[in-house]
N, C-alpha and C. Protein backbone atom coordinates (compact mmCIF):
# COMPACT_ATOMS: atom_id res chain seq x y z
N MET A 1 142.77 161.07 105.72
CA MET A 1 143.31 160.43 106.85
C MET A 1 143.47 158.96 106.53
N ALA A 2 144.55 158.45 106.88
CA ALA A 2 144.88 157.05 106.58
C ALA A 2 144.67 156.22 107.83
N GLN A 3 144.09 155.09 107.62
CA GLN A 3 143.83 154.19 108.72
C GLN A 3 144.92 153.13 108.73
N SER A 4 145.30 152.74 109.92
CA SER A 4 146.33 151.72 109.97
C SER A 4 145.66 150.35 109.93
N ALA A 5 146.18 149.46 109.18
CA ALA A 5 145.66 148.10 109.06
C ALA A 5 146.84 147.16 109.20
N PRO A 6 146.56 145.96 109.71
CA PRO A 6 147.68 145.03 109.84
C PRO A 6 148.18 144.63 108.46
N PRO A 7 149.43 144.33 108.37
CA PRO A 7 149.96 143.95 107.06
C PRO A 7 149.35 142.62 106.61
N PRO A 8 149.09 142.46 105.31
CA PRO A 8 148.51 141.20 104.82
C PRO A 8 149.47 140.05 105.04
N PRO A 9 148.94 138.85 105.29
CA PRO A 9 149.81 137.70 105.49
C PRO A 9 150.60 137.40 104.22
N ALA A 10 151.70 136.74 104.43
CA ALA A 10 152.60 136.49 103.31
C ALA A 10 152.01 135.49 102.32
N ASP A 11 151.25 134.50 102.76
CA ASP A 11 150.77 133.48 101.83
C ASP A 11 149.39 133.81 101.26
N GLY A 12 148.79 134.96 101.57
CA GLY A 12 147.52 135.38 101.00
C GLY A 12 146.30 134.89 101.76
N ASN A 13 146.45 134.17 102.83
CA ASN A 13 145.33 133.67 103.62
C ASN A 13 145.14 134.60 104.80
N PRO A 14 144.01 135.35 104.87
CA PRO A 14 143.86 136.30 105.97
C PRO A 14 143.61 135.62 107.32
N TYR A 15 143.25 134.33 107.31
CA TYR A 15 142.97 133.64 108.56
C TYR A 15 144.17 132.85 109.07
N ALA A 16 145.26 132.90 108.41
CA ALA A 16 146.44 132.13 108.80
C ALA A 16 147.33 132.94 109.72
N GLN A 17 146.76 133.46 110.76
CA GLN A 17 147.54 134.25 111.70
C GLN A 17 148.02 133.35 112.82
N GLN A 18 149.04 133.78 113.47
CA GLN A 18 149.55 133.06 114.62
C GLN A 18 148.61 133.30 115.80
N PRO A 19 148.41 132.30 116.66
CA PRO A 19 147.52 132.50 117.80
C PRO A 19 148.06 133.58 118.72
N THR A 20 147.11 134.27 119.29
CA THR A 20 147.51 135.31 120.22
C THR A 20 147.80 134.68 121.57
N ASP A 21 148.53 135.39 122.38
CA ASP A 21 148.87 134.88 123.71
C ASP A 21 147.60 134.81 124.57
N GLY A 22 147.52 133.78 125.40
CA GLY A 22 146.39 133.63 126.31
C GLY A 22 145.21 132.88 125.71
N ASN A 23 145.31 132.36 124.50
CA ASN A 23 144.22 131.59 123.89
C ASN A 23 144.54 130.11 124.09
N PRO A 24 143.91 129.43 125.06
CA PRO A 24 144.27 128.04 125.33
C PRO A 24 143.75 127.07 124.27
N TYR A 25 142.84 127.52 123.42
CA TYR A 25 142.24 126.61 122.45
C TYR A 25 142.95 126.63 121.10
N ALA A 26 143.84 127.55 120.89
CA ALA A 26 144.50 127.65 119.59
C ALA A 26 145.60 126.60 119.47
N GLN A 27 145.89 126.23 118.25
CA GLN A 27 146.96 125.29 117.97
C GLN A 27 148.29 125.96 118.33
N GLN A 28 149.06 125.30 119.14
CA GLN A 28 150.33 125.86 119.56
C GLN A 28 151.37 125.63 118.46
N PRO A 29 152.20 126.60 118.25
CA PRO A 29 153.24 126.41 117.23
C PRO A 29 154.17 125.28 117.61
N GLY A 30 154.48 124.46 116.64
CA GLY A 30 155.43 123.38 116.84
C GLY A 30 154.80 122.09 117.34
N THR A 31 153.48 122.01 117.54
CA THR A 31 152.85 120.77 117.99
C THR A 31 152.10 120.14 116.82
N ALA A 32 151.93 118.84 116.91
CA ALA A 32 151.22 118.12 115.84
C ALA A 32 149.72 118.40 115.96
N PRO A 33 149.00 118.45 114.85
CA PRO A 33 147.56 118.70 114.92
C PRO A 33 146.83 117.51 115.56
N GLN A 34 145.68 117.79 116.17
CA GLN A 34 144.88 116.74 116.80
C GLN A 34 144.32 115.82 115.71
N PRO A 35 144.32 114.50 115.96
CA PRO A 35 143.77 113.60 114.94
C PRO A 35 142.25 113.72 114.88
N GLN A 36 141.71 113.64 113.70
CA GLN A 36 140.26 113.69 113.50
C GLN A 36 139.69 112.28 113.62
N PRO A 37 138.45 112.12 114.11
CA PRO A 37 137.88 110.77 114.23
C PRO A 37 137.70 110.15 112.84
N THR A 38 137.99 108.86 112.77
CA THR A 38 137.88 108.16 111.48
C THR A 38 136.60 107.35 111.38
N ASP A 39 135.81 107.27 112.45
CA ASP A 39 134.61 106.45 112.40
C ASP A 39 133.38 107.23 111.93
N GLY A 40 133.55 108.45 111.47
CA GLY A 40 132.44 109.23 110.97
C GLY A 40 131.66 109.95 112.04
N ASN A 41 132.14 109.95 113.26
CA ASN A 41 131.45 110.60 114.36
C ASN A 41 131.97 112.02 114.47
N PRO A 42 131.18 113.01 114.09
CA PRO A 42 131.70 114.38 114.11
C PRO A 42 131.84 114.95 115.51
N PHE A 43 131.22 114.32 116.52
CA PHE A 43 131.28 114.86 117.86
C PHE A 43 132.37 114.22 118.71
N ALA A 44 132.93 113.14 118.24
CA ALA A 44 134.09 112.48 118.85
C ALA A 44 133.90 112.20 120.33
N GLN A 45 132.88 111.40 120.67
CA GLN A 45 132.71 111.01 122.06
C GLN A 45 133.88 110.12 122.47
N GLN A 46 134.06 110.07 123.76
CA GLN A 46 135.16 109.27 124.27
C GLN A 46 134.83 107.79 124.15
N PRO A 47 135.83 106.95 123.96
CA PRO A 47 135.55 105.52 123.90
C PRO A 47 135.01 105.03 125.24
N GLY A 48 134.03 104.14 125.19
CA GLY A 48 133.43 103.59 126.40
C GLY A 48 132.33 104.46 126.98
N ALA A 49 132.03 105.59 126.36
CA ALA A 49 130.97 106.45 126.87
C ALA A 49 129.62 105.81 126.57
N MET A 50 128.60 106.22 127.32
CA MET A 50 127.26 105.68 127.10
C MET A 50 126.74 106.16 125.75
N PRO A 51 126.13 105.27 124.99
CA PRO A 51 125.57 105.70 123.71
C PRO A 51 124.33 106.57 123.95
N PRO A 52 123.96 107.37 122.98
CA PRO A 52 122.77 108.19 123.16
C PRO A 52 121.53 107.29 123.27
N PRO A 53 120.49 107.77 123.94
CA PRO A 53 119.29 106.92 124.11
C PRO A 53 118.63 106.66 122.76
N LEU A 54 117.97 105.51 122.69
CA LEU A 54 117.26 105.15 121.47
C LEU A 54 115.97 105.95 121.38
N ALA A 55 115.44 106.02 120.18
CA ALA A 55 114.15 106.69 119.98
C ALA A 55 113.07 105.88 120.68
N PRO A 56 112.05 106.53 121.19
CA PRO A 56 110.99 105.77 121.87
C PRO A 56 110.27 104.86 120.88
N LEU A 57 109.79 103.74 121.39
CA LEU A 57 109.07 102.79 120.55
C LEU A 57 107.70 103.35 120.20
N ALA A 58 107.20 102.92 119.07
CA ALA A 58 105.86 103.32 118.67
C ALA A 58 104.85 102.74 119.66
N PRO A 59 103.78 103.44 119.92
CA PRO A 59 102.80 102.89 120.86
C PRO A 59 102.24 101.58 120.34
N ALA A 60 101.97 100.69 121.26
CA ALA A 60 101.44 99.39 120.89
C ALA A 60 100.04 99.54 120.31
N ARG A 61 99.76 98.74 119.34
CA ARG A 61 98.44 98.77 118.72
C ARG A 61 97.43 98.28 119.75
N SER A 62 96.45 99.09 120.00
CA SER A 62 95.51 98.73 121.06
C SER A 62 94.25 98.12 120.46
N GLY A 63 94.13 96.85 120.64
CA GLY A 63 92.89 96.19 120.28
C GLY A 63 92.81 95.69 118.86
N ASN A 64 91.91 94.78 118.67
CA ASN A 64 91.63 94.18 117.39
C ASN A 64 90.13 94.39 117.16
N VAL A 65 89.79 95.29 116.26
CA VAL A 65 88.40 95.68 116.08
C VAL A 65 87.51 94.50 115.67
N PRO A 66 87.90 93.68 114.67
CA PRO A 66 87.02 92.55 114.34
C PRO A 66 86.82 91.59 115.52
N LEU A 67 87.87 91.35 116.28
CA LEU A 67 87.73 90.48 117.45
C LEU A 67 86.80 91.11 118.49
N GLY A 68 86.89 92.42 118.66
CA GLY A 68 85.99 93.11 119.57
C GLY A 68 84.54 93.02 119.13
N LEU A 69 84.31 93.13 117.81
CA LEU A 69 82.94 93.01 117.30
C LEU A 69 82.38 91.60 117.51
N VAL A 70 83.21 90.59 117.23
CA VAL A 70 82.77 89.21 117.43
C VAL A 70 82.46 88.96 118.90
N ALA A 71 83.34 89.46 119.77
CA ALA A 71 83.11 89.28 121.21
C ALA A 71 81.83 89.98 121.66
N ALA A 72 81.56 91.15 121.09
CA ALA A 72 80.34 91.88 121.46
C ALA A 72 79.09 91.12 121.00
N VAL A 73 79.15 90.53 119.80
CA VAL A 73 78.00 89.77 119.30
C VAL A 73 77.77 88.53 120.16
N VAL A 74 78.86 87.83 120.51
CA VAL A 74 78.72 86.65 121.37
C VAL A 74 78.17 87.05 122.73
N ALA A 75 78.68 88.14 123.28
CA ALA A 75 78.18 88.61 124.58
C ALA A 75 76.71 89.01 124.49
N ALA A 76 76.31 89.60 123.36
CA ALA A 76 74.91 89.99 123.19
C ALA A 76 74.01 88.76 123.16
N LEU A 77 74.43 87.72 122.46
CA LEU A 77 73.61 86.50 122.39
C LEU A 77 73.50 85.82 123.76
N VAL A 78 74.63 85.73 124.44
CA VAL A 78 74.63 85.05 125.75
C VAL A 78 73.82 85.85 126.77
N THR A 79 74.04 87.15 126.82
CA THR A 79 73.32 87.95 127.82
C THR A 79 71.84 88.08 127.49
N ALA A 80 71.48 88.03 126.20
CA ALA A 80 70.06 88.05 125.85
C ALA A 80 69.37 86.80 126.38
N GLY A 81 70.04 85.66 126.26
CA GLY A 81 69.47 84.42 126.80
C GLY A 81 69.34 84.46 128.31
N ILE A 82 70.36 84.98 128.97
CA ILE A 82 70.31 85.07 130.44
C ILE A 82 69.23 86.05 130.88
N TYR A 83 69.15 87.19 130.20
CA TYR A 83 68.13 88.19 130.54
C TYR A 83 66.73 87.62 130.33
N GLY A 84 66.54 86.90 129.23
CA GLY A 84 65.24 86.27 128.98
C GLY A 84 64.90 85.23 130.03
N ALA A 85 65.90 84.46 130.46
CA ALA A 85 65.65 83.46 131.50
C ALA A 85 65.28 84.13 132.83
N ILE A 86 65.92 85.26 133.12
CA ILE A 86 65.58 85.99 134.36
C ILE A 86 64.14 86.51 134.29
N ILE A 87 63.77 87.07 133.13
CA ILE A 87 62.40 87.57 132.98
C ILE A 87 61.40 86.42 133.07
N GLY A 88 61.72 85.31 132.42
CA GLY A 88 60.81 84.16 132.45
C GLY A 88 60.67 83.56 133.83
N ALA A 89 61.74 83.55 134.60
CA ALA A 89 61.69 82.96 135.94
C ALA A 89 60.98 83.87 136.94
N THR A 90 61.20 85.18 136.82
CA THR A 90 60.61 86.10 137.79
C THR A 90 59.28 86.68 137.32
N GLU A 91 58.98 86.53 136.04
CA GLU A 91 57.78 87.08 135.40
C GLU A 91 57.69 88.59 135.54
N ARG A 92 58.84 89.26 135.54
CA ARG A 92 58.89 90.72 135.53
C ARG A 92 60.24 91.16 134.97
N GLU A 93 60.28 92.40 134.47
CA GLU A 93 61.52 92.95 133.94
C GLU A 93 62.33 93.55 135.10
N ILE A 94 63.62 93.36 135.03
CA ILE A 94 64.50 93.87 136.07
C ILE A 94 65.50 94.83 135.41
N GLY A 95 65.50 96.07 135.89
CA GLY A 95 66.35 97.10 135.28
C GLY A 95 67.83 96.82 135.42
N TYR A 96 68.23 96.27 136.57
CA TYR A 96 69.65 95.98 136.76
C TYR A 96 70.14 94.94 135.77
N ALA A 97 69.27 94.04 135.38
CA ALA A 97 69.67 93.02 134.40
C ALA A 97 69.93 93.67 133.04
N ALA A 98 69.13 94.68 132.68
CA ALA A 98 69.37 95.40 131.42
C ALA A 98 70.69 96.16 131.47
N VAL A 99 71.01 96.71 132.64
CA VAL A 99 72.31 97.36 132.81
C VAL A 99 73.43 96.35 132.63
N GLY A 100 73.26 95.17 133.22
CA GLY A 100 74.27 94.12 133.09
C GLY A 100 74.45 93.67 131.66
N VAL A 101 73.34 93.54 130.93
CA VAL A 101 73.42 93.15 129.51
C VAL A 101 74.25 94.18 128.75
N GLY A 102 73.90 95.43 128.90
CA GLY A 102 74.63 96.48 128.18
C GLY A 102 76.08 96.57 128.58
N PHE A 103 76.34 96.51 129.88
CA PHE A 103 77.72 96.65 130.34
C PHE A 103 78.59 95.50 129.86
N LEU A 104 78.07 94.28 129.90
CA LEU A 104 78.88 93.14 129.46
C LEU A 104 79.18 93.20 127.96
N ILE A 105 78.23 93.67 127.18
CA ILE A 105 78.48 93.82 125.74
C ILE A 105 79.55 94.88 125.51
N GLY A 106 79.42 96.02 126.18
CA GLY A 106 80.42 97.08 126.04
C GLY A 106 81.78 96.66 126.55
N LEU A 107 81.81 95.92 127.64
CA LEU A 107 83.08 95.44 128.19
C LEU A 107 83.79 94.52 127.21
N ALA A 108 83.06 93.60 126.62
CA ALA A 108 83.67 92.68 125.66
C ALA A 108 84.20 93.43 124.44
N ALA A 109 83.44 94.37 123.93
CA ALA A 109 83.87 95.12 122.76
C ALA A 109 85.06 96.01 123.08
N GLY A 110 85.03 96.69 124.22
CA GLY A 110 86.11 97.61 124.57
C GLY A 110 87.41 96.92 124.92
N LYS A 111 87.33 95.82 125.66
CA LYS A 111 88.56 95.12 126.07
C LYS A 111 89.28 94.50 124.88
N LEU A 112 88.53 93.86 124.01
CA LEU A 112 89.17 93.17 122.89
C LEU A 112 89.29 94.04 121.65
N GLY A 113 88.43 95.02 121.51
CA GLY A 113 88.43 95.85 120.31
C GLY A 113 89.26 97.11 120.42
N GLY A 114 89.61 97.52 121.62
CA GLY A 114 90.43 98.72 121.78
C GLY A 114 89.59 99.98 121.78
N SER A 115 90.24 101.07 121.42
CA SER A 115 89.60 102.39 121.54
C SER A 115 89.06 102.90 120.21
N ASN A 116 88.64 102.03 119.34
CA ASN A 116 88.04 102.45 118.09
C ASN A 116 86.74 103.19 118.40
N PRO A 117 86.53 104.37 117.81
CA PRO A 117 85.34 105.14 118.16
C PRO A 117 84.02 104.51 117.71
N ALA A 118 84.06 103.55 116.82
CA ALA A 118 82.82 102.90 116.36
C ALA A 118 82.33 101.85 117.35
N LEU A 119 83.22 101.31 118.16
CA LEU A 119 82.83 100.21 119.04
C LEU A 119 81.79 100.59 120.09
N PRO A 120 81.87 101.75 120.74
CA PRO A 120 80.80 102.08 121.69
C PRO A 120 79.43 102.20 121.02
N VAL A 121 79.40 102.73 119.80
CA VAL A 121 78.12 102.86 119.09
C VAL A 121 77.58 101.49 118.72
N VAL A 122 78.45 100.63 118.20
CA VAL A 122 78.03 99.27 117.85
C VAL A 122 77.58 98.52 119.10
N SER A 123 78.28 98.73 120.20
CA SER A 123 77.90 98.08 121.46
C SER A 123 76.51 98.52 121.91
N ALA A 124 76.22 99.80 121.78
CA ALA A 124 74.90 100.30 122.17
C ALA A 124 73.81 99.69 121.29
N LEU A 125 74.08 99.60 119.99
CA LEU A 125 73.09 99.00 119.08
C LEU A 125 72.89 97.52 119.39
N LEU A 126 73.99 96.81 119.64
CA LEU A 126 73.86 95.39 120.00
C LEU A 126 73.12 95.22 121.32
N SER A 127 73.30 96.15 122.22
CA SER A 127 72.60 96.08 123.50
C SER A 127 71.10 96.25 123.31
N LEU A 128 70.70 97.15 122.41
CA LEU A 128 69.27 97.30 122.12
C LEU A 128 68.69 95.99 121.62
N GLY A 129 69.41 95.35 120.70
CA GLY A 129 68.94 94.07 120.17
C GLY A 129 68.92 92.99 121.23
N ALA A 130 69.93 92.96 122.09
CA ALA A 130 70.00 91.92 123.13
C ALA A 130 68.89 92.09 124.16
N VAL A 131 68.60 93.32 124.55
CA VAL A 131 67.52 93.55 125.51
C VAL A 131 66.18 93.15 124.88
N TYR A 132 66.00 93.49 123.59
CA TYR A 132 64.75 93.11 122.90
C TYR A 132 64.61 91.59 122.81
N VAL A 133 65.66 90.91 122.38
CA VAL A 133 65.61 89.45 122.27
C VAL A 133 65.39 88.83 123.66
N GLY A 134 66.05 89.37 124.67
CA GLY A 134 65.85 88.87 126.02
C GLY A 134 64.42 89.02 126.49
N GLN A 135 63.81 90.17 126.16
CA GLN A 135 62.41 90.36 126.53
C GLN A 135 61.50 89.40 125.77
N LEU A 136 61.80 89.16 124.50
CA LEU A 136 61.01 88.18 123.74
C LEU A 136 61.14 86.78 124.33
N ILE A 137 62.35 86.42 124.73
CA ILE A 137 62.55 85.10 125.35
C ILE A 137 61.76 85.01 126.65
N GLY A 138 61.80 86.07 127.44
CA GLY A 138 61.05 86.07 128.70
C GLY A 138 59.56 85.96 128.48
N VAL A 139 59.03 86.70 127.51
CA VAL A 139 57.60 86.63 127.21
C VAL A 139 57.24 85.24 126.70
N ALA A 140 58.10 84.66 125.86
CA ALA A 140 57.84 83.31 125.35
C ALA A 140 57.85 82.28 126.48
N MET A 141 58.75 82.45 127.44
CA MET A 141 58.78 81.51 128.57
C MET A 141 57.51 81.62 129.41
N ILE A 142 57.06 82.84 129.63
CA ILE A 142 55.83 83.04 130.42
C ILE A 142 54.63 82.46 129.68
N MET A 143 54.53 82.75 128.37
CA MET A 143 53.40 82.25 127.58
C MET A 143 53.42 80.72 127.47
N ALA A 144 54.61 80.15 127.33
CA ALA A 144 54.71 78.70 127.25
C ALA A 144 54.26 78.05 128.55
N ASP A 145 54.56 78.69 129.65
CA ASP A 145 54.14 78.17 130.96
C ASP A 145 52.62 78.23 131.10
N VAL A 146 52.03 79.35 130.66
CA VAL A 146 50.58 79.52 130.76
C VAL A 146 49.85 78.55 129.83
N ALA A 147 50.38 78.35 128.61
CA ALA A 147 49.70 77.52 127.60
C ALA A 147 50.08 76.05 127.70
N ASN A 148 50.91 75.68 128.65
CA ASN A 148 51.40 74.30 128.79
C ASN A 148 52.05 73.78 127.50
N LEU A 149 52.87 74.63 126.90
CA LEU A 149 53.66 74.26 125.72
C LEU A 149 55.13 74.34 126.09
N SER A 150 55.94 73.71 125.27
CA SER A 150 57.38 73.84 125.50
C SER A 150 57.84 75.21 124.99
N PHE A 151 58.95 75.68 125.53
CA PHE A 151 59.49 76.97 125.11
C PHE A 151 59.83 76.95 123.63
N SER A 152 60.45 75.87 123.16
CA SER A 152 60.85 75.81 121.75
C SER A 152 59.64 75.83 120.82
N THR A 153 58.56 75.17 121.21
CA THR A 153 57.34 75.21 120.40
C THR A 153 56.76 76.62 120.38
N MET A 154 56.78 77.27 121.51
CA MET A 154 56.23 78.62 121.60
C MET A 154 57.03 79.61 120.75
N ILE A 155 58.35 79.51 120.80
CA ILE A 155 59.19 80.50 120.11
C ILE A 155 59.26 80.22 118.61
N THR A 156 59.10 78.95 118.20
CA THR A 156 59.22 78.65 116.77
C THR A 156 57.87 78.64 116.06
N GLU A 157 56.86 78.01 116.64
CA GLU A 157 55.58 77.87 115.94
C GLU A 157 54.60 79.00 116.25
N HIS A 158 54.78 79.68 117.36
CA HIS A 158 53.84 80.74 117.75
C HIS A 158 54.58 82.06 117.99
N PHE A 159 55.53 82.36 117.12
CA PHE A 159 56.33 83.58 117.31
C PHE A 159 55.47 84.83 117.15
N ASP A 160 54.46 84.78 116.28
CA ASP A 160 53.58 85.94 116.12
C ASP A 160 52.81 86.24 117.40
N VAL A 161 52.43 85.21 118.12
CA VAL A 161 51.74 85.40 119.40
C VAL A 161 52.71 86.00 120.43
N VAL A 162 53.97 85.56 120.37
CA VAL A 162 54.98 86.09 121.31
C VAL A 162 55.21 87.57 121.05
N THR A 163 55.37 87.97 119.77
CA THR A 163 55.61 89.39 119.48
C THR A 163 54.39 90.24 119.81
N SER A 164 53.19 89.72 119.55
CA SER A 164 52.01 90.51 119.91
C SER A 164 51.87 90.60 121.43
N GLY A 165 52.25 89.54 122.14
CA GLY A 165 52.24 89.60 123.61
C GLY A 165 53.26 90.60 124.13
N TRP A 166 54.42 90.69 123.46
CA TRP A 166 55.42 91.69 123.87
C TRP A 166 54.89 93.10 123.64
N LYS A 167 54.24 93.31 122.48
CA LYS A 167 53.70 94.64 122.18
C LYS A 167 52.64 95.05 123.21
N GLU A 168 51.81 94.10 123.61
CA GLU A 168 50.77 94.42 124.59
C GLU A 168 51.35 94.71 125.97
N SER A 169 52.42 94.02 126.30
CA SER A 169 52.99 94.22 127.64
C SER A 169 54.01 95.35 127.69
N ALA A 170 54.35 95.92 126.53
CA ALA A 170 55.35 97.00 126.50
C ALA A 170 54.76 98.26 127.12
N ASP A 171 55.52 98.86 127.99
CA ASP A 171 55.12 100.11 128.63
C ASP A 171 56.34 101.04 128.62
N PRO A 172 56.22 102.24 129.16
CA PRO A 172 57.38 103.14 129.17
C PRO A 172 58.61 102.56 129.86
N MET A 173 58.41 101.73 130.86
CA MET A 173 59.55 101.11 131.55
C MET A 173 60.32 100.18 130.61
N THR A 174 59.61 99.52 129.70
CA THR A 174 60.26 98.64 128.74
C THR A 174 61.26 99.43 127.91
N PHE A 175 60.85 100.59 127.43
CA PHE A 175 61.73 101.40 126.60
C PHE A 175 62.81 102.09 127.43
N LEU A 176 62.53 102.32 128.69
CA LEU A 176 63.57 102.83 129.58
C LEU A 176 64.68 101.80 129.74
N PHE A 177 64.31 100.53 129.81
CA PHE A 177 65.32 99.47 129.91
C PHE A 177 66.17 99.40 128.65
N PHE A 178 65.56 99.67 127.48
CA PHE A 178 66.35 99.75 126.25
C PHE A 178 67.40 100.85 126.37
N ALA A 179 66.97 102.02 126.82
CA ALA A 179 67.89 103.16 126.93
C ALA A 179 68.97 102.90 127.96
N ILE A 180 68.60 102.30 129.08
CA ILE A 180 69.58 102.01 130.13
C ILE A 180 70.62 101.02 129.61
N GLY A 181 70.17 99.99 128.92
CA GLY A 181 71.10 99.00 128.37
C GLY A 181 72.03 99.60 127.34
N ALA A 182 71.50 100.46 126.47
CA ALA A 182 72.34 101.10 125.44
C ALA A 182 73.36 102.03 126.08
N PHE A 183 72.93 102.80 127.08
CA PHE A 183 73.86 103.69 127.76
C PHE A 183 74.96 102.91 128.47
N ALA A 184 74.58 101.82 129.12
CA ALA A 184 75.57 101.00 129.82
C ALA A 184 76.56 100.38 128.84
N ALA A 185 76.09 99.98 127.67
CA ALA A 185 76.99 99.40 126.67
C ALA A 185 77.95 100.46 126.14
N PHE A 186 77.44 101.65 125.85
CA PHE A 186 78.28 102.72 125.33
C PHE A 186 79.36 103.10 126.34
N SER A 187 78.95 103.35 127.58
CA SER A 187 79.93 103.77 128.58
C SER A 187 80.85 102.62 128.97
N GLY A 188 80.36 101.38 128.96
CA GLY A 188 81.22 100.24 129.27
C GLY A 188 82.31 100.05 128.23
N ALA A 189 81.97 100.25 126.96
CA ALA A 189 82.98 100.12 125.91
C ALA A 189 84.02 101.23 126.01
N LYS A 190 83.59 102.45 126.33
CA LYS A 190 84.54 103.56 126.47
C LYS A 190 85.48 103.33 127.66
N LYS A 191 84.94 102.87 128.77
CA LYS A 191 85.76 102.68 129.97
C LYS A 191 86.69 101.48 129.83
N ALA A 192 86.23 100.44 129.16
CA ALA A 192 87.06 99.25 129.00
C ALA A 192 88.23 99.51 128.06
N ALA A 193 88.05 100.40 127.10
CA ALA A 193 89.13 100.70 126.16
C ALA A 193 90.13 101.68 126.73
N ALA A 194 89.77 102.40 127.77
CA ALA A 194 90.68 103.41 128.34
C ALA A 194 91.78 102.77 129.15
């Protein structure tokens, strides 16, 4: 059985057929071909059309870690002095002051240092040191008052007496204040960086 097939085109190109009727997209016989864009744009947008949107910008670099560390150290020194002055003036430890010490250290590190994961840990460690130094300053102020010495003489010439006085006065609440300050510094740095 023989199958009927259309006759091959005369020039040997099987795709060079005349458009069929009803095809509005085919090139009409006798018309000039559409010009191709010369600017290299294969999609040929219309002139004056809106350009495609630009790629989004890279996220801004958040924070400067060395600056955050320096700010945390400065905050630790300042708050240790303030905490020590509060202890020396009231002659007792105040838990809210330890929270303030830790939070201010964490705030300084988080705001200026950004969201680096090391900053909350460093803030907590600095808070431990600041609370300890603050307690030593407070004990030295109390001892200087009792011994009728100046604070600077007590802290420089009798530092061994100050540390032994701190050890004798240390109780579980003292170490609770260390933990509270460290927790406040850690959470303060995380919240400030967010």
